[in-house]
Amino acid sequence: MYIHLGQNAVIKKSEIIGIFDMENTTSSRHTRSFLSRCEDEGEVVDISTDLPRVFVLCEGEDGERVYLSQLSSQTLEKRWEDGEFGMKN
């Protein structure tokens, strides 16, 4: 199954490690350090057209990726539960 993260980003559900709300998680220096490291290593993909509301941590065949999305964590959770796109792996 796949989930649409916004813009043209569609990711396999099996590659998603977690969906994190930016407002709640970036208050931690550890999270800010992690995101900074990922950006320095070219692992961040900004798919937001505005300020990102969530970051989605993924690990696939090509390594670790962090997607920044303007969608809310609630929207992505609903898409997860509803099986948006309903495509098989």
N, C-alpha and C. Protein backbone atom coordinates (compact mmCIF):
# COMPACT_ATOMS: atom_id res chain seq x y z
N MET A 1 0.84 -1.18 0.00
CA MET A 1 0.00 0.00 0.00
C MET A 1 0.88 1.24 0.00
N TYR A 2 0.34 2.33 -0.51
CA TYR A 2 1.04 3.60 -0.62
C TYR A 2 0.26 4.69 0.09
N ILE A 3 0.96 5.76 0.45
CA ILE A 3 0.32 6.92 1.05
C ILE A 3 0.83 8.17 0.34
N HIS A 4 -0.10 9.07 0.06
CA HIS A 4 0.23 10.33 -0.61
C HIS A 4 0.58 11.36 0.46
N LEU A 5 1.82 11.90 0.41
CA LEU A 5 2.29 12.85 1.42
C LEU A 5 2.07 14.30 1.03
N GLY A 6 1.61 14.53 -0.18
CA GLY A 6 1.44 15.89 -0.69
C GLY A 6 2.27 16.07 -1.94
N GLN A 7 1.92 17.11 -2.72
CA GLN A 7 2.57 17.38 -4.00
C GLN A 7 2.59 16.09 -4.83
N ASN A 8 3.75 15.67 -5.30
CA ASN A 8 3.85 14.46 -6.11
C ASN A 8 4.49 13.30 -5.36
N ALA A 9 4.52 13.38 -4.03
CA ALA A 9 5.20 12.36 -3.23
C ALA A 9 4.22 11.27 -2.79
N VAL A 10 4.48 10.07 -3.27
CA VAL A 10 3.73 8.88 -2.89
C VAL A 10 4.75 7.87 -2.40
N ILE A 11 4.59 7.40 -1.17
CA ILE A 11 5.58 6.56 -0.51
C ILE A 11 4.94 5.23 -0.11
N LYS A 12 5.72 4.17 -0.18
CA LYS A 12 5.24 2.88 0.32
C LYS A 12 5.06 2.97 1.83
N LYS A 13 3.92 2.49 2.31
CA LYS A 13 3.67 2.50 3.75
C LYS A 13 4.73 1.71 4.51
N SER A 14 5.24 0.66 3.90
CA SER A 14 6.24 -0.17 4.57
C SER A 14 7.57 0.55 4.78
N GLU A 15 7.79 1.66 4.07
CA GLU A 15 9.03 2.43 4.21
C GLU A 15 8.92 3.52 5.28
N ILE A 16 7.71 3.81 5.74
CA ILE A 16 7.51 4.89 6.71
C ILE A 16 7.81 4.38 8.11
N ILE A 17 8.73 5.07 8.76
CA ILE A 17 9.09 4.76 10.15
C ILE A 17 8.21 5.55 11.10
N GLY A 18 7.95 6.82 10.76
CA GLY A 18 7.11 7.63 11.63
C GLY A 18 6.70 8.93 10.98
N ILE A 19 5.60 9.48 11.49
CA ILE A 19 5.07 10.76 11.05
C ILE A 19 5.08 11.66 12.29
N PHE A 20 5.78 12.80 12.20
CA PHE A 20 6.02 13.63 13.36
C PHE A 20 5.54 15.05 13.14
N ASP A 21 4.76 15.56 14.08
CA ASP A 21 4.27 16.93 14.04
C ASP A 21 5.43 17.88 14.34
N MET A 22 5.68 18.84 13.44
CA MET A 22 6.80 19.77 13.59
C MET A 22 6.67 20.62 14.85
N GLU A 23 5.49 21.10 15.13
CA GLU A 23 5.29 21.99 16.28
C GLU A 23 5.62 21.29 17.60
N ASN A 24 5.24 20.04 17.72
CA ASN A 24 5.45 19.31 18.97
C ASN A 24 6.84 18.71 19.10
N THR A 25 7.46 18.34 18.00
CA THR A 25 8.73 17.62 18.10
C THR A 25 9.98 18.49 17.97
N THR A 26 9.88 19.62 17.30
CA THR A 26 11.09 20.42 17.08
C THR A 26 11.47 21.27 18.28
N SER A 27 10.71 21.18 19.36
CA SER A 27 11.12 21.85 20.59
C SER A 27 12.29 21.10 21.24
N SER A 28 12.48 19.86 20.87
CA SER A 28 13.58 19.05 21.40
C SER A 28 14.86 19.33 20.62
N ARG A 29 15.94 19.57 21.34
CA ARG A 29 17.22 19.82 20.67
C ARG A 29 17.69 18.57 19.92
N HIS A 30 17.31 17.40 20.40
CA HIS A 30 17.70 16.15 19.72
C HIS A 30 17.03 16.05 18.35
N THR A 31 15.76 16.43 18.28
CA THR A 31 15.05 16.40 17.00
C THR A 31 15.63 17.43 16.05
N ARG A 32 15.88 18.64 16.55
CA ARG A 32 16.48 19.68 15.70
C ARG A 32 17.84 19.24 15.19
N SER A 33 18.63 18.61 16.04
CA SER A 33 19.95 18.10 15.64
C SER A 33 19.81 17.02 14.57
N PHE A 34 18.85 16.11 14.76
CA PHE A 34 18.60 15.04 13.79
C PHE A 34 18.22 15.62 12.43
N LEU A 35 17.28 16.57 12.42
CA LEU A 35 16.84 17.17 11.17
C LEU A 35 17.97 17.93 10.49
N SER A 36 18.78 18.60 11.28
CA SER A 36 19.93 19.34 10.74
C SER A 36 20.93 18.39 10.09
N ARG A 37 21.19 17.26 10.75
CA ARG A 37 22.11 16.26 10.20
C ARG A 37 21.56 15.70 8.90
N CYS A 38 20.27 15.39 8.88
CA CYS A 38 19.65 14.86 7.66
C CYS A 38 19.74 15.86 6.52
N GLU A 39 19.53 17.13 6.83
CA GLU A 39 19.62 18.16 5.79
C GLU A 39 21.05 18.27 5.27
N ASP A 40 22.03 18.25 6.17
CA ASP A 40 23.43 18.32 5.77
C ASP A 40 23.83 17.14 4.88
N GLU A 41 23.22 15.99 5.11
CA GLU A 41 23.55 14.78 4.35
C GLU A 41 22.67 14.62 3.10
N GLY A 42 21.83 15.60 2.81
CA GLY A 42 21.00 15.56 1.61
C GLY A 42 19.86 14.58 1.68
N GLU A 43 19.40 14.26 2.89
CA GLU A 43 18.33 13.28 3.05
C GLU A 43 16.96 13.91 3.23
N VAL A 44 16.87 15.25 3.18
CA VAL A 44 15.60 15.94 3.38
C VAL A 44 15.00 16.29 2.02
N VAL A 45 13.72 15.94 1.86
CA VAL A 45 12.98 16.26 0.65
C VAL A 45 11.82 17.17 1.07
N ASP A 46 11.88 18.42 0.66
CA ASP A 46 10.85 19.39 1.03
C ASP A 46 9.75 19.37 -0.02
N ILE A 47 8.60 18.81 0.34
CA ILE A 47 7.47 18.75 -0.59
C ILE A 47 6.37 19.73 -0.18
N SER A 48 6.70 20.62 0.76
CA SER A 48 5.71 21.58 1.22
C SER A 48 5.75 22.83 0.34
N THR A 49 4.60 23.43 0.15
CA THR A 49 4.52 24.69 -0.59
C THR A 49 4.47 25.85 0.38
N ASP A 50 4.39 25.56 1.65
CA ASP A 50 4.30 26.54 2.72
C ASP A 50 5.18 26.03 3.86
N LEU A 51 5.00 26.57 5.04
CA LEU A 51 5.74 26.05 6.18
C LEU A 51 5.34 24.60 6.42
N PRO A 52 6.30 23.70 6.58
CA PRO A 52 5.95 22.30 6.82
C PRO A 52 5.28 22.11 8.18
N ARG A 53 4.31 21.23 8.22
CA ARG A 53 3.59 20.92 9.46
C ARG A 53 4.05 19.60 10.05
N VAL A 54 4.57 18.72 9.18
CA VAL A 54 5.05 17.42 9.65
C VAL A 54 6.34 17.05 8.94
N PHE A 55 7.08 16.13 9.56
CA PHE A 55 8.14 15.47 8.82
C PHE A 55 7.88 13.98 8.92
N VAL A 56 8.14 13.30 7.81
CA VAL A 56 7.89 11.87 7.70
C VAL A 56 9.24 11.19 7.50
N LEU A 57 9.60 10.34 8.44
CA LEU A 57 10.86 9.62 8.37
C LEU A 57 10.64 8.29 7.66
N CYS A 58 11.42 8.06 6.61
CA CYS A 58 11.27 6.85 5.79
C CYS A 58 12.62 6.18 5.62
N GLU A 59 12.58 4.87 5.46
CA GLU A 59 13.79 4.12 5.13
C GLU A 59 13.43 3.10 4.06
N GLY A 60 14.11 3.24 2.93
CA GLY A 60 13.86 2.36 1.80
C GLY A 60 15.16 1.80 1.26
N GLU A 61 15.09 1.28 0.06
CA GLU A 61 16.25 0.68 -0.59
C GLU A 61 17.39 1.67 -0.77
N ASP A 62 17.04 2.96 -0.98
CA ASP A 62 18.06 3.98 -1.21
C ASP A 62 18.47 4.70 0.07
N GLY A 63 18.11 4.17 1.22
CA GLY A 63 18.52 4.74 2.50
C GLY A 63 17.42 5.53 3.18
N GLU A 64 17.85 6.37 4.11
CA GLU A 64 16.94 7.15 4.93
C GLU A 64 16.56 8.44 4.23
N ARG A 65 15.29 8.84 4.35
CA ARG A 65 14.79 10.10 3.79
C ARG A 65 13.85 10.74 4.80
N VAL A 66 13.86 12.06 4.83
CA VAL A 66 12.92 12.83 5.64
C VAL A 66 12.13 13.72 4.69
N TYR A 67 10.83 13.54 4.67
CA TYR A 67 9.96 14.35 3.83
C TYR A 67 9.30 15.42 4.70
N LEU A 68 9.36 16.68 4.26
CA LEU A 68 8.68 17.78 4.94
C LEU A 68 7.40 18.06 4.17
N SER A 69 6.27 18.00 4.86
CA SER A 69 4.98 18.16 4.21
C SER A 69 4.15 19.23 4.90
N GLN A 70 3.32 19.92 4.13
CA GLN A 70 2.43 20.93 4.68
C GLN A 70 1.15 20.31 5.22
N LEU A 71 0.94 19.02 4.98
CA LEU A 71 -0.26 18.34 5.48
C LEU A 71 -0.13 18.12 6.99
N SER A 72 -1.25 18.04 7.66
CA SER A 72 -1.22 17.81 9.11
C SER A 72 -1.00 16.33 9.40
N SER A 73 -0.55 16.06 10.61
CA SER A 73 -0.37 14.66 11.01
C SER A 73 -1.72 13.93 11.04
N GLN A 74 -2.79 14.65 11.37
CA GLN A 74 -4.13 14.04 11.38
C GLN A 74 -4.56 13.64 9.97
N THR A 75 -4.26 14.48 8.98
CA THR A 75 -4.60 14.15 7.60
C THR A 75 -3.85 12.91 7.14
N LEU A 76 -2.56 12.86 7.45
CA LEU A 76 -1.76 11.70 7.04
C LEU A 76 -2.20 10.44 7.80
N GLU A 77 -2.57 10.59 9.06
CA GLU A 77 -3.07 9.44 9.82
C GLU A 77 -4.36 8.91 9.18
N LYS A 78 -5.25 9.81 8.78
CA LYS A 78 -6.50 9.39 8.14
C LYS A 78 -6.21 8.67 6.82
N ARG A 79 -5.27 9.21 6.03
CA ARG A 79 -4.90 8.56 4.78
C ARG A 79 -4.31 7.18 5.05
N TRP A 80 -3.55 7.06 6.11
CA TRP A 80 -2.95 5.78 6.50
C TRP A 80 -4.06 4.77 6.80
N GLU A 81 -5.01 5.19 7.63
CA GLU A 81 -6.09 4.30 8.06
C GLU A 81 -7.05 3.96 6.92
N ASP A 82 -7.29 4.94 6.04
CA ASP A 82 -8.22 4.73 4.92
C ASP A 82 -7.61 3.97 3.77
N GLY A 83 -6.29 3.78 3.81
CA GLY A 83 -5.62 3.08 2.73
C GLY A 83 -5.65 3.87 1.45
N GLU A 84 -5.38 5.18 1.54
CA GLU A 84 -5.42 6.03 0.35
C GLU A 84 -4.55 5.46 -0.77
N PHE A 85 -5.04 5.48 -1.94
CA PHE A 85 -4.48 4.97 -3.18
C PHE A 85 -4.66 3.45 -3.29
N GLY A 86 -4.83 2.74 -2.22
CA GLY A 86 -5.15 1.32 -2.26
C GLY A 86 -4.32 0.50 -3.22
N MET A 87 -3.08 0.90 -3.47
CA MET A 87 -2.22 0.17 -4.40
C MET A 87 -1.43 -0.89 -3.64
N LYS A 88 -1.23 -1.99 -4.27
CA LYS A 88 -0.43 -3.06 -3.68
C LYS A 88 1.04 -2.78 -3.91
N ASN A 89 1.88 -3.30 -2.99
CA ASN A 89 3.35 -3.15 -3.16
C ASN A 89 3.83 -3.83 -4.39
